[in-house]
Amino acid sequence: MNLHDILVGVMVVIGSSFILIAAIGLIRLQDVYLRMHAASKAGTLGSGVMLLALALYAFETDVITRAIAGVVFLVLTAPVSAHLLARASIMSGYKPCDETKIDTFSKSLNLDTQKD
């Protein structure tokens, strides 16, 4: 076993740990906004580290290129999709849980003053 294999193994463990944290967050958190935050942050980080571990393990130009493209794609699309889901949830009237102290998004859309 050499340093290359140990580094790949550590990256796989770190990536899978973040994915596990995201999965636990999806189960344990109270509302769609908190769940979306866990999935978009920890899930993206975990998937990105796993893709980089794959690139390091394969150590071939085509695999490295695809893995880096996958990481870039995840980093660019996860925040956008999380924002769009949050906006759609707010616009459809889904309120944040009671533990949410400040709801600036609803206030900026003036949803508190609208009538049903």
N, C-alpha and C. Protein backbone atom coordinates (compact mmCIF):
# COMPACT_ATOMS: atom_id res chain seq x y z
N MET A 1 0.85 -1.18 0.00
CA MET A 1 0.00 0.00 0.00
C MET A 1 0.90 1.24 0.00
N ASN A 2 0.66 2.13 -0.92
CA ASN A 2 1.49 3.32 -1.01
C ASN A 2 0.70 4.58 -0.63
N LEU A 3 1.36 5.72 -0.71
CA LEU A 3 0.75 6.98 -0.33
C LEU A 3 -0.43 7.35 -1.22
N HIS A 4 -0.36 7.00 -2.48
CA HIS A 4 -1.44 7.27 -3.43
C HIS A 4 -2.73 6.58 -3.00
N ASP A 5 -2.65 5.31 -2.65
CA ASP A 5 -3.82 4.56 -2.22
C ASP A 5 -4.39 5.09 -0.90
N ILE A 6 -3.52 5.49 0.00
CA ILE A 6 -3.97 6.04 1.28
C ILE A 6 -4.70 7.36 1.06
N LEU A 7 -4.17 8.22 0.19
CA LEU A 7 -4.81 9.49 -0.10
C LEU A 7 -6.17 9.31 -0.74
N VAL A 8 -6.27 8.37 -1.68
CA VAL A 8 -7.56 8.08 -2.31
C VAL A 8 -8.55 7.55 -1.27
N GLY A 9 -8.10 6.66 -0.41
CA GLY A 9 -8.96 6.12 0.63
C GLY A 9 -9.46 7.18 1.60
N VAL A 10 -8.58 8.09 1.99
CA VAL A 10 -8.97 9.18 2.89
C VAL A 10 -10.00 10.08 2.21
N MET A 11 -9.79 10.37 0.93
CA MET A 11 -10.74 11.21 0.20
C MET A 11 -12.10 10.53 0.07
N VAL A 12 -12.11 9.23 -0.15
CA VAL A 12 -13.38 8.50 -0.24
C VAL A 12 -14.11 8.52 1.10
N VAL A 13 -13.38 8.35 2.18
CA VAL A 13 -13.99 8.37 3.51
C VAL A 13 -14.54 9.76 3.82
N ILE A 14 -13.79 10.80 3.49
CA ILE A 14 -14.25 12.17 3.73
C ILE A 14 -15.49 12.47 2.89
N GLY A 15 -15.46 12.12 1.62
CA GLY A 15 -16.61 12.35 0.75
C GLY A 15 -17.84 11.60 1.19
N SER A 16 -17.66 10.34 1.55
CA SER A 16 -18.83 9.56 1.99
C SER A 16 -19.34 10.05 3.34
N SER A 17 -18.47 10.60 4.18
CA SER A 17 -18.92 11.17 5.46
C SER A 17 -19.80 12.38 5.22
N PHE A 18 -19.40 13.25 4.29
CA PHE A 18 -20.25 14.40 3.98
C PHE A 18 -21.57 13.98 3.37
N ILE A 19 -21.57 12.96 2.54
CA ILE A 19 -22.82 12.47 1.97
C ILE A 19 -23.70 11.87 3.05
N LEU A 20 -23.11 11.18 4.02
CA LEU A 20 -23.87 10.64 5.14
C LEU A 20 -24.48 11.77 5.98
N ILE A 21 -23.71 12.83 6.21
CA ILE A 21 -24.22 13.98 6.96
C ILE A 21 -25.40 14.61 6.21
N ALA A 22 -25.30 14.71 4.89
CA ALA A 22 -26.40 15.25 4.09
C ALA A 22 -27.64 14.37 4.21
N ALA A 23 -27.45 13.06 4.18
CA ALA A 23 -28.58 12.14 4.28
C ALA A 23 -29.24 12.23 5.67
N ILE A 24 -28.43 12.33 6.69
CA ILE A 24 -28.98 12.49 8.05
C ILE A 24 -29.72 13.81 8.16
N GLY A 25 -29.17 14.86 7.53
CA GLY A 25 -29.84 16.16 7.54
C GLY A 25 -31.19 16.11 6.85
N LEU A 26 -31.30 15.34 5.77
CA LEU A 26 -32.58 15.20 5.09
C LEU A 26 -33.62 14.51 5.96
N ILE A 27 -33.18 13.61 6.79
CA ILE A 27 -34.10 12.88 7.66
C ILE A 27 -34.46 13.69 8.91
N ARG A 28 -33.48 14.34 9.51
CA ARG A 28 -33.65 14.94 10.82
C ARG A 28 -34.16 16.39 10.83
N LEU A 29 -33.89 17.15 9.79
CA LEU A 29 -34.24 18.57 9.83
C LEU A 29 -35.73 18.79 9.62
N GLN A 30 -36.23 19.96 10.08
CA GLN A 30 -37.66 20.17 10.24
C GLN A 30 -38.41 20.52 8.95
N ASP A 31 -37.88 21.40 8.14
CA ASP A 31 -38.66 21.85 6.98
C ASP A 31 -37.85 21.76 5.70
N VAL A 32 -38.50 22.11 4.61
CA VAL A 32 -37.90 21.96 3.29
C VAL A 32 -36.67 22.85 3.14
N TYR A 33 -36.64 23.99 3.77
CA TYR A 33 -35.53 24.91 3.62
C TYR A 33 -34.26 24.39 4.30
N LEU A 34 -34.41 23.86 5.49
CA LEU A 34 -33.26 23.28 6.18
C LEU A 34 -32.78 22.01 5.49
N ARG A 35 -33.71 21.19 5.04
CA ARG A 35 -33.33 19.98 4.32
C ARG A 35 -32.61 20.30 3.01
N MET A 36 -33.10 21.32 2.33
CA MET A 36 -32.49 21.72 1.07
C MET A 36 -31.07 22.24 1.33
N HIS A 37 -30.88 22.94 2.41
CA HIS A 37 -29.55 23.45 2.76
C HIS A 37 -28.58 22.29 3.00
N ALA A 38 -29.03 21.30 3.75
CA ALA A 38 -28.16 20.14 4.03
C ALA A 38 -27.82 19.39 2.75
N ALA A 39 -28.80 19.19 1.90
CA ALA A 39 -28.56 18.44 0.67
C ALA A 39 -27.67 19.21 -0.28
N SER A 40 -27.86 20.52 -0.39
CA SER A 40 -27.09 21.26 -1.38
C SER A 40 -25.66 21.52 -0.91
N LYS A 41 -25.45 21.73 0.36
CA LYS A 41 -24.09 22.03 0.84
C LYS A 41 -23.28 20.76 1.07
N ALA A 42 -23.73 19.92 1.98
CA ALA A 42 -22.96 18.72 2.32
C ALA A 42 -22.97 17.70 1.19
N GLY A 43 -24.09 17.57 0.51
CA GLY A 43 -24.15 16.62 -0.60
C GLY A 43 -23.24 17.00 -1.75
N THR A 44 -23.19 18.29 -2.06
CA THR A 44 -22.31 18.76 -3.14
C THR A 44 -20.85 18.59 -2.76
N LEU A 45 -20.50 18.93 -1.54
CA LEU A 45 -19.12 18.78 -1.09
C LEU A 45 -18.70 17.31 -1.09
N GLY A 46 -19.56 16.44 -0.58
CA GLY A 46 -19.25 15.02 -0.56
C GLY A 46 -19.12 14.43 -1.94
N SER A 47 -20.02 14.78 -2.83
CA SER A 47 -19.95 14.26 -4.21
C SER A 47 -18.71 14.79 -4.93
N GLY A 48 -18.38 16.06 -4.69
CA GLY A 48 -17.19 16.63 -5.31
C GLY A 48 -15.92 15.95 -4.85
N VAL A 49 -15.81 15.69 -3.56
CA VAL A 49 -14.61 15.01 -3.04
C VAL A 49 -14.53 13.58 -3.58
N MET A 50 -15.68 12.91 -3.69
CA MET A 50 -15.68 11.56 -4.26
C MET A 50 -15.24 11.56 -5.72
N LEU A 51 -15.69 12.54 -6.49
CA LEU A 51 -15.27 12.64 -7.88
C LEU A 51 -13.77 12.93 -8.00
N LEU A 52 -13.25 13.78 -7.12
CA LEU A 52 -11.81 14.04 -7.13
C LEU A 52 -11.02 12.81 -6.70
N ALA A 53 -11.57 12.02 -5.79
CA ALA A 53 -10.91 10.76 -5.42
C ALA A 53 -10.88 9.80 -6.60
N LEU A 54 -11.95 9.76 -7.37
CA LEU A 54 -11.98 8.94 -8.58
C LEU A 54 -10.92 9.39 -9.57
N ALA A 55 -10.81 10.71 -9.76
CA ALA A 55 -9.81 11.25 -10.68
C ALA A 55 -8.40 10.89 -10.23
N LEU A 56 -8.16 10.98 -8.93
CA LEU A 56 -6.83 10.64 -8.40
C LEU A 56 -6.56 9.15 -8.50
N TYR A 57 -7.59 8.34 -8.31
CA TYR A 57 -7.41 6.89 -8.39
C TYR A 57 -7.13 6.44 -9.82
N ALA A 58 -7.90 6.94 -10.78
CA ALA A 58 -7.74 6.51 -12.17
C ALA A 58 -6.46 7.09 -12.77
N PHE A 59 -6.18 8.34 -12.49
CA PHE A 59 -4.98 9.03 -12.95
C PHE A 59 -4.80 8.93 -14.46
N GLU A 60 -5.93 9.06 -15.17
CA GLU A 60 -5.93 9.11 -16.62
C GLU A 60 -6.54 10.44 -17.04
N THR A 61 -6.05 10.98 -18.13
CA THR A 61 -6.46 12.32 -18.55
C THR A 61 -7.96 12.43 -18.79
N ASP A 62 -8.54 11.46 -19.48
CA ASP A 62 -9.97 11.54 -19.77
C ASP A 62 -10.82 11.43 -18.51
N VAL A 63 -10.44 10.59 -17.57
CA VAL A 63 -11.19 10.45 -16.32
C VAL A 63 -11.03 11.71 -15.47
N ILE A 64 -9.84 12.25 -15.40
CA ILE A 64 -9.59 13.47 -14.63
C ILE A 64 -10.42 14.62 -15.20
N THR A 65 -10.43 14.74 -16.52
CA THR A 65 -11.20 15.81 -17.16
C THR A 65 -12.68 15.69 -16.86
N ARG A 66 -13.22 14.48 -16.96
CA ARG A 66 -14.64 14.28 -16.67
C ARG A 66 -14.97 14.51 -15.21
N ALA A 67 -14.07 14.09 -14.32
CA ALA A 67 -14.31 14.29 -12.89
C ALA A 67 -14.29 15.77 -12.53
N ILE A 68 -13.35 16.51 -13.08
CA ILE A 68 -13.30 17.94 -12.82
C ILE A 68 -14.52 18.63 -13.42
N ALA A 69 -14.94 18.22 -14.60
CA ALA A 69 -16.15 18.78 -15.20
C ALA A 69 -17.37 18.48 -14.33
N GLY A 70 -17.42 17.28 -13.76
CA GLY A 70 -18.52 16.94 -12.85
C GLY A 70 -18.52 17.79 -11.60
N VAL A 71 -17.35 18.05 -11.04
CA VAL A 71 -17.25 18.90 -9.85
C VAL A 71 -17.71 20.32 -10.18
N VAL A 72 -17.24 20.85 -11.31
CA VAL A 72 -17.64 22.20 -11.72
C VAL A 72 -19.16 22.25 -11.93
N PHE A 73 -19.70 21.23 -12.58
CA PHE A 73 -21.14 21.18 -12.81
C PHE A 73 -21.91 21.16 -11.48
N LEU A 74 -21.47 20.36 -10.53
CA LEU A 74 -22.13 20.31 -9.22
C LEU A 74 -22.05 21.64 -8.50
N VAL A 75 -20.88 22.27 -8.52
CA VAL A 75 -20.69 23.53 -7.80
C VAL A 75 -21.54 24.64 -8.43
N LEU A 76 -21.72 24.59 -9.74
CA LEU A 76 -22.50 25.64 -10.39
C LEU A 76 -24.01 25.41 -10.31
N THR A 77 -24.46 24.17 -10.31
CA THR A 77 -25.90 23.92 -10.38
C THR A 77 -26.57 23.73 -9.02
N ALA A 78 -25.87 23.24 -8.01
CA ALA A 78 -26.50 22.98 -6.71
C ALA A 78 -27.03 24.25 -6.05
N PRO A 79 -26.26 25.34 -5.99
CA PRO A 79 -26.83 26.55 -5.37
C PRO A 79 -28.00 27.14 -6.15
N VAL A 80 -27.93 27.07 -7.46
CA VAL A 80 -29.02 27.61 -8.29
C VAL A 80 -30.29 26.80 -8.07
N SER A 81 -30.18 25.49 -8.08
CA SER A 81 -31.37 24.66 -7.88
C SER A 81 -31.93 24.81 -6.46
N ALA A 82 -31.06 24.95 -5.47
CA ALA A 82 -31.54 25.16 -4.09
C ALA A 82 -32.27 26.49 -3.98
N HIS A 83 -31.75 27.52 -4.61
CA HIS A 83 -32.43 28.82 -4.58
C HIS A 83 -33.79 28.75 -5.27
N LEU A 84 -33.85 28.09 -6.41
CA LEU A 84 -35.12 27.98 -7.13
C LEU A 84 -36.15 27.17 -6.35
N LEU A 85 -35.71 26.11 -5.68
CA LEU A 85 -36.63 25.34 -4.84
C LEU A 85 -37.13 26.15 -3.66
N ALA A 86 -36.23 26.93 -3.05
CA ALA A 86 -36.65 27.77 -1.92
C ALA A 86 -37.64 28.83 -2.38
N ARG A 87 -37.36 29.43 -3.51
CA ARG A 87 -38.27 30.46 -4.04
C ARG A 87 -39.63 29.87 -4.38
N ALA A 88 -39.65 28.70 -4.99
CA ALA A 88 -40.93 28.06 -5.32
C ALA A 88 -41.69 27.69 -4.06
N SER A 89 -40.98 27.24 -3.03
CA SER A 89 -41.65 26.89 -1.77
C SER A 89 -42.25 28.12 -1.10
N ILE A 90 -41.50 29.20 -1.09
CA ILE A 90 -42.01 30.44 -0.50
C ILE A 90 -43.20 30.96 -1.29
N MET A 91 -43.09 30.94 -2.60
CA MET A 91 -44.17 31.47 -3.44
C MET A 91 -45.44 30.63 -3.33
N SER A 92 -45.29 29.34 -3.06
CA SER A 92 -46.47 28.49 -2.91
C SER A 92 -47.07 28.56 -1.52
N GLY A 93 -46.42 29.31 -0.61
CA GLY A 93 -47.00 29.51 0.71
C GLY A 93 -46.45 28.62 1.80
N TYR A 94 -45.42 27.86 1.51
CA TYR A 94 -44.84 26.99 2.53
C TYR A 94 -43.99 27.83 3.48
N LYS A 95 -44.41 27.92 4.73
CA LYS A 95 -43.73 28.75 5.71
C LYS A 95 -42.56 27.99 6.34
N PRO A 96 -41.51 28.72 6.73
CA PRO A 96 -40.40 28.08 7.46
C PRO A 96 -40.87 27.59 8.83
N CYS A 97 -40.11 26.68 9.42
CA CYS A 97 -40.47 26.14 10.73
C CYS A 97 -40.38 27.22 11.80
N ASP A 98 -40.88 26.93 12.98
CA ASP A 98 -40.92 27.91 14.06
C ASP A 98 -39.53 28.28 14.57
N GLU A 99 -38.54 27.41 14.38
CA GLU A 99 -37.18 27.70 14.85
C GLU A 99 -36.49 28.75 13.99
N THR A 100 -37.04 29.06 12.83
CA THR A 100 -36.47 30.09 11.97
C THR A 100 -36.77 31.45 12.58
N LYS A 101 -35.74 32.18 12.96
CA LYS A 101 -35.91 33.46 13.64
C LYS A 101 -36.14 34.60 12.66
N ILE A 102 -35.38 34.64 11.57
CA ILE A 102 -35.45 35.74 10.61
C ILE A 102 -35.80 35.17 9.25
N ASP A 103 -36.88 35.64 8.67
CA ASP A 103 -37.30 35.19 7.34
C ASP A 103 -37.23 36.38 6.39
N THR A 104 -36.05 36.65 5.90
CA THR A 104 -35.87 37.82 5.02
C THR A 104 -36.41 37.57 3.62
N PHE A 105 -36.46 36.33 3.20
CA PHE A 105 -36.91 36.04 1.84
C PHE A 105 -38.39 36.36 1.67
N SER A 106 -39.21 35.94 2.62
CA SER A 106 -40.65 36.24 2.55
C SER A 106 -40.89 37.73 2.64
N LYS A 107 -40.12 38.41 3.49
CA LYS A 107 -40.29 39.85 3.63
C LYS A 107 -39.89 40.58 2.35
N SER A 108 -38.85 40.10 1.68
CA SER A 108 -38.42 40.78 0.46
C SER A 108 -39.42 40.57 -0.68
N LEU A 109 -40.19 39.50 -0.62
CA LEU A 109 -41.22 39.25 -1.64
C LEU A 109 -42.57 39.82 -1.24
N ASN A 110 -42.66 40.41 -0.04
CA ASN A 110 -43.92 40.97 0.47
C ASN A 110 -45.02 39.93 0.54
N LEU A 111 -44.68 38.72 0.93
CA LEU A 111 -45.69 37.66 1.05
C LEU A 111 -46.52 37.79 2.31
N ASP A 112 -45.96 38.48 3.32
CA ASP A 112 -46.70 38.63 4.57
C ASP A 112 -47.91 39.55 4.41
N THR A 113 -47.85 40.45 3.44
CA THR A 113 -48.94 41.41 3.26
C THR A 113 -49.96 40.96 2.22
N GLN A 114 -49.68 39.88 1.50
CA GLN A 114 -50.61 39.43 0.47
C GLN A 114 -51.75 38.65 1.08
N LYS A 115 -52.90 38.72 0.46
CA LYS A 115 -54.07 37.98 0.90
C LYS A 115 -54.19 36.70 0.06
N ASP A 116 -54.75 35.66 0.64
CA ASP A 116 -54.97 34.41 -0.10
C ASP A 116 -56.23 34.49 -0.92
